[in-house]
Amino acid sequence: MKENCAIKVEGAGYGIIMSSDENKLFGGRIGKPKVAICPKCGEVSIYVEDVQKL
């Protein structure tokens, strides 16, 4: 797996932020998701590096 890739929303200047509380605008942020891609089959896995914030 090729790790530490990024996810970007096409046509938007912002990225994706994961949060533990959808009701808070800036609170509960877990961080940006990372992506791992298998160079053989193309499987994509989304993961979080800092699991302590979960």
Protein backbone atom coordinates (compact mmCIF):
# COMPACT_ATOMS: atom_id res chain seq x y z
CA MET A 1 0.00 0.00 0.00
CA LYS A 2 1.20 3.48 -0.82
CA GLU A 3 0.34 5.42 2.34
CA ASN A 4 0.13 9.09 3.35
CA CYS A 5 -1.81 10.19 0.27
CA ALA A 6 -4.43 12.95 0.51
CA ILE A 7 -8.11 13.33 -0.36
CA LYS A 8 -9.17 16.51 -2.12
CA VAL A 9 -12.60 17.67 -3.20
CA GLU A 10 -12.46 18.56 -6.88
CA GLY A 11 -13.39 22.17 -7.58
CA ALA A 12 -13.09 23.27 -3.96
CA GLY A 13 -10.24 24.97 -2.13
CA TYR A 14 -11.04 23.28 1.16
CA GLY A 15 -10.40 19.69 2.13
CA ILE A 16 -12.13 17.19 4.38
CA ILE A 17 -11.93 17.49 8.17
CA MET A 18 -13.23 14.71 10.40
CA SER A 19 -15.03 15.65 13.61
CA SER A 20 -16.36 13.66 16.55
CA ASP A 21 -19.31 16.08 17.00
CA GLU A 22 -21.23 17.21 13.92
CA ASN A 23 -23.13 19.83 15.96
CA LYS A 24 -19.99 21.85 16.74
CA LEU A 25 -18.55 24.04 14.01
CA PHE A 26 -14.89 23.79 15.08
CA GLY A 27 -15.03 21.49 18.11
CA GLY A 28 -14.22 17.82 18.24
CA ARG A 29 -11.87 17.84 15.27
CA ILE A 30 -10.12 14.54 14.75
CA GLY A 31 -8.02 15.72 11.84
CA LYS A 32 -7.63 15.21 8.13
CA PRO A 33 -8.12 11.71 6.75
CA LYS A 34 -5.19 10.03 5.04
CA VAL A 35 -5.46 7.64 2.13
CA ALA A 36 -3.56 4.46 1.28
CA ILE A 37 -3.74 3.10 -2.28
CA CYS A 38 -2.77 -0.39 -3.41
CA PRO A 39 -0.61 -0.02 -6.55
CA LYS A 40 -1.56 -3.54 -7.74
CA CYS A 41 -5.36 -3.58 -7.50
CA GLY A 42 -6.27 0.08 -6.85
CA GLU A 43 -7.99 -0.56 -3.50
CA VAL A 44 -8.34 2.68 -1.50
CA SER A 45 -8.29 2.76 2.32
CA ILE A 46 -9.07 5.88 4.34
CA TYR A 47 -7.46 6.12 7.79
CA VAL A 48 -6.64 8.53 10.62
CA GLU A 49 -3.07 8.82 11.89
CA ASP A 50 -3.83 10.20 15.37
CA VAL A 51 -6.28 7.72 16.91
CA GLN A 52 -5.82 9.30 20.35
CA LYS A 53 -8.38 11.98 19.39
CA LEU A 54 -11.08 9.35 18.86
